[in-house]
Amino acid sequence: MKRALLVIDVQNEYFTGKLPITHPAGHLENILHAMDAARAQGVATVVVQHTFTDPALPFFQRGTPEWELHDEVKKRPHDLYVEKNLPGSFTGTELEEWLRGQGIATVTVAGYMTHMCCDTTARQAVHRGFTVEFLGDGTGTLPLSNTAGDVTAEELHRSILCAQQMLLSEVLSTKAWCERIGIGT
């Protein structure tokens, strides 16, 4: 079964910008470990970067330091770079065509945010007939507070993982995924 690792929106906005990821602990290290394992085992890696085209939005603006990919992601090799403008990595991008052209049937989701771009991308992948693996400790989120209510990062993360596992994705730890592709601990 040929697979690709999707590294979604690992951008400075989540580290030094307005949207600091707080849960789970070790999320970045797990993403980087998955990228290194994928490269070692010949698993394709797709790096996705979010850009808002509306200049009134306060984040993900092209050319800002926060928009840039995290330095550790930038220095790792990848097979495809995708720039997106909406939460789903398939919307308005060449991702699906590229995956099919490579004969890839399974996508592994890592990155940010668990409840937004990772969740949307996983759902889009399932709707397009891909098998989806979702790295529970290789995705991350933050607490939310808005007119709909308040939720901690841990609650939000756990809720999305449970929903993904129910009918959409197989939720795995980075360690289990690395073992699956042939990398020991």
Protein backbone atom coordinates (compact mmCIF):
# COMPACT_ATOMS: atom_id res chain seq x y z
CA MET A 1 0.00 0.00 0.00
CA LYS A 2 1.66 3.20 -1.20
CA ARG A 3 1.28 6.18 1.14
CA ALA A 4 2.18 9.84 1.48
CA LEU A 5 2.78 11.90 4.61
CA LEU A 6 0.90 15.21 4.49
CA VAL A 7 2.66 17.83 6.64
CA ILE A 8 -0.03 20.47 6.96
CA ASP A 9 0.64 24.11 7.83
CA VAL A 10 3.68 23.73 10.07
CA GLN A 11 4.19 27.48 9.91
CA ASN A 12 5.63 30.02 12.31
CA GLU A 13 2.14 31.39 13.01
CA TYR A 14 1.70 28.43 15.36
CA PHE A 15 4.93 29.12 17.25
CA THR A 16 5.65 32.85 17.26
CA GLY A 17 2.39 34.22 15.86
CA LYS A 18 -1.19 34.70 16.94
CA LEU A 19 -2.14 30.99 17.09
CA PRO A 20 0.24 29.20 19.48
CA ILE A 21 -0.32 25.44 19.51
CA THR A 22 -0.47 24.16 23.08
CA HIS A 23 -1.57 20.51 22.86
CA PRO A 24 -0.32 17.80 22.79
CA ALA A 25 3.19 18.06 24.20
CA GLY A 26 5.88 17.14 21.69
CA HIS A 27 3.76 17.77 18.60
CA LEU A 28 6.53 19.40 16.54
CA GLU A 29 9.12 16.77 17.45
CA ASN A 30 6.68 14.05 16.40
CA ILE A 31 6.00 15.73 13.06
CA LEU A 32 9.72 16.04 12.38
CA HIS A 33 10.29 12.42 13.42
CA ALA A 34 7.56 11.32 11.00
CA MET A 35 9.15 13.37 8.21
CA ASP A 36 12.55 11.79 8.86
CA ALA A 37 11.04 8.29 9.02
CA ALA A 38 9.11 8.87 5.80
CA ARG A 39 12.28 9.97 4.00
CA ALA A 40 14.23 6.98 5.33
CA GLN A 41 11.55 4.56 4.10
CA GLY A 42 10.81 6.18 0.75
CA VAL A 43 7.38 7.44 1.78
CA ALA A 44 6.42 10.54 -0.20
CA THR A 45 6.19 13.74 1.83
CA VAL A 46 3.88 16.60 0.90
CA VAL A 47 4.40 19.95 2.62
CA VAL A 48 1.30 22.13 2.73
CA GLN A 49 1.34 25.86 3.47
CA HIS A 50 -1.69 28.01 4.21
CA THR A 51 -2.01 31.49 2.70
CA PHE A 52 -4.93 33.84 3.18
CA THR A 53 -5.61 36.03 0.17
CA ASP A 54 -7.75 38.51 2.11
CA PRO A 55 -5.36 41.16 3.51
CA ALA A 56 -7.85 41.98 6.28
CA LEU A 57 -7.24 38.63 7.97
CA PRO A 58 -4.62 38.89 10.72
CA PHE A 59 -2.60 35.75 9.96
CA PHE A 60 -1.12 33.56 7.22
CA GLN A 61 -0.28 36.57 5.10
CA ARG A 62 2.29 35.80 2.39
CA GLY A 63 5.69 37.30 3.05
CA THR A 64 5.30 37.72 6.81
CA PRO A 65 7.64 35.84 9.15
CA GLU A 66 4.66 34.04 10.69
CA TRP A 67 3.52 32.77 7.26
CA GLU A 68 6.87 31.08 6.65
CA LEU A 69 7.23 27.35 7.16
CA HIS A 70 8.93 26.39 10.42
CA ASP A 71 12.71 26.28 9.86
CA GLU A 72 12.89 22.58 10.75
CA VAL A 73 10.30 21.72 8.10
CA LYS A 74 11.98 23.99 5.52
CA LYS A 75 15.29 22.18 5.83
CA ARG A 76 13.80 18.70 5.37
CA PRO A 77 13.23 17.32 1.87
CA HIS A 78 9.75 16.92 0.45
CA ASP A 79 8.28 15.54 -2.76
CA LEU A 80 5.54 18.09 -3.30
CA TYR A 81 4.81 21.57 -2.00
CA VAL A 82 1.16 22.67 -1.93
CA GLU A 83 -0.08 26.15 -1.16
CA LYS A 84 -3.72 26.34 -0.10
CA ASN A 85 -6.16 29.12 0.73
CA LEU A 86 -8.85 27.15 2.56
CA PRO A 87 -8.73 24.56 5.37
CA GLY A 88 -8.82 21.54 3.05
CA SER A 89 -5.54 20.65 1.38
CA PHE A 90 -7.41 19.28 -1.65
CA THR A 91 -9.49 22.40 -2.39
CA GLY A 92 -8.10 24.32 -5.35
CA THR A 93 -4.76 22.50 -5.30
CA GLU A 94 -3.01 19.82 -7.34
CA LEU A 95 -2.81 17.44 -4.36
CA GLU A 96 -5.34 14.83 -5.51
CA GLU A 97 -4.00 14.70 -9.06
CA TRP A 98 -0.43 14.33 -7.79
CA LEU A 99 -1.33 11.58 -5.30
CA ARG A 100 -3.20 9.60 -7.96
CA GLY A 101 -0.34 10.10 -10.42
CA GLN A 102 2.03 8.60 -7.85
CA GLY A 103 -0.29 5.63 -7.23
CA ILE A 104 -0.78 6.64 -3.59
CA ALA A 105 -3.80 5.09 -1.84
CA THR A 106 -3.13 6.11 1.78
CA VAL A 107 -2.43 9.54 3.22
CA THR A 108 -1.07 10.19 6.68
CA VAL A 109 -2.12 13.49 8.25
CA ALA A 110 0.25 15.49 10.47
CA GLY A 111 0.40 19.18 11.28
CA TYR A 112 -1.91 21.96 12.37
CA MET A 113 -4.56 22.49 13.52
CA THR A 114 -6.11 19.20 14.51
CA HIS A 115 -9.64 20.59 14.44
CA MET A 116 -9.38 22.70 11.30
CA CYS A 117 -7.02 21.96 8.42
CA CYS A 118 -6.04 18.44 9.53
CA ASP A 119 -9.64 17.38 10.16
CA THR A 120 -10.87 18.96 6.91
CA THR A 121 -8.08 17.41 4.84
CA ALA A 122 -8.70 13.97 6.34
CA ARG A 123 -12.41 14.20 5.58
CA GLN A 124 -11.70 15.36 2.02
CA ALA A 125 -9.30 12.45 1.53
CA VAL A 126 -11.89 9.91 2.70
CA HIS A 127 -14.49 11.45 0.38
CA ARG A 128 -12.04 10.99 -2.51
CA GLY A 129 -11.48 7.32 -1.71
CA PHE A 130 -8.13 7.50 0.07
CA THR A 131 -7.36 5.54 3.23
CA VAL A 132 -6.38 7.97 5.99
CA GLU A 133 -3.98 7.65 8.91
CA PHE A 134 -4.12 10.51 11.43
CA LEU A 135 -1.16 11.09 13.75
CA GLY A 136 -2.75 11.85 17.12
CA ASP A 137 0.49 13.13 18.63
CA GLY A 138 1.74 14.59 15.34
CA THR A 139 -1.12 17.07 15.06
CA GLY A 140 -1.88 19.85 17.48
CA THR A 141 -4.33 22.52 18.50
CA LEU A 142 -5.05 25.36 20.88
CA PRO A 143 -7.88 26.38 23.22
CA LEU A 144 -10.85 28.15 21.63
CA SER A 145 -13.16 30.77 23.04
CA ASN A 146 -15.81 32.38 20.90
CA THR A 147 -19.55 33.06 20.82
CA ALA A 148 -20.23 29.32 20.55
CA GLY A 149 -18.42 28.61 23.82
CA ASP A 150 -15.10 27.65 25.33
CA VAL A 151 -13.07 24.50 24.88
CA THR A 152 -9.60 23.55 26.09
CA ALA A 153 -6.98 22.43 23.61
CA GLU A 154 -6.97 18.96 25.15
CA GLU A 155 -10.76 18.60 24.89
CA LEU A 156 -10.80 19.84 21.31
CA HIS A 157 -7.93 17.60 20.25
CA ARG A 158 -9.41 14.51 21.89
CA SER A 159 -12.85 15.19 20.38
CA ILE A 160 -11.48 15.44 16.86
CA LEU A 161 -9.37 12.31 17.26
CA CYS A 162 -12.40 10.37 18.52
CA ALA A 163 -14.50 11.60 15.60
CA GLN A 164 -11.75 10.75 13.11
CA GLN A 165 -11.36 7.24 14.54
CA MET A 166 -15.09 6.61 14.43
CA LEU A 167 -15.55 6.35 10.65
CA LEU A 168 -12.87 8.34 8.88
CA SER A 169 -9.27 7.73 9.83
CA GLU A 170 -7.12 5.34 11.76
CA VAL A 171 -5.67 7.41 14.58
CA LEU A 172 -2.11 6.37 15.37
CA SER A 173 0.77 7.58 17.48
CA THR A 174 3.85 8.67 15.57
CA LYS A 175 5.71 5.73 17.11
CA ALA A 176 3.12 3.21 15.86
CA TRP A 177 3.12 4.81 12.41
CA CYS A 178 6.91 4.71 12.20
CA GLU A 179 6.85 1.03 13.16
CA ARG A 180 4.20 0.42 10.50
CA ILE A 181 6.44 1.84 7.79
CA GLY A 182 9.43 -0.11 9.05
CA ILE A 183 11.24 2.25 11.42
CA GLY A 184 11.98 0.97 14.93
CA THR A 185 11.77 3.20 17.96
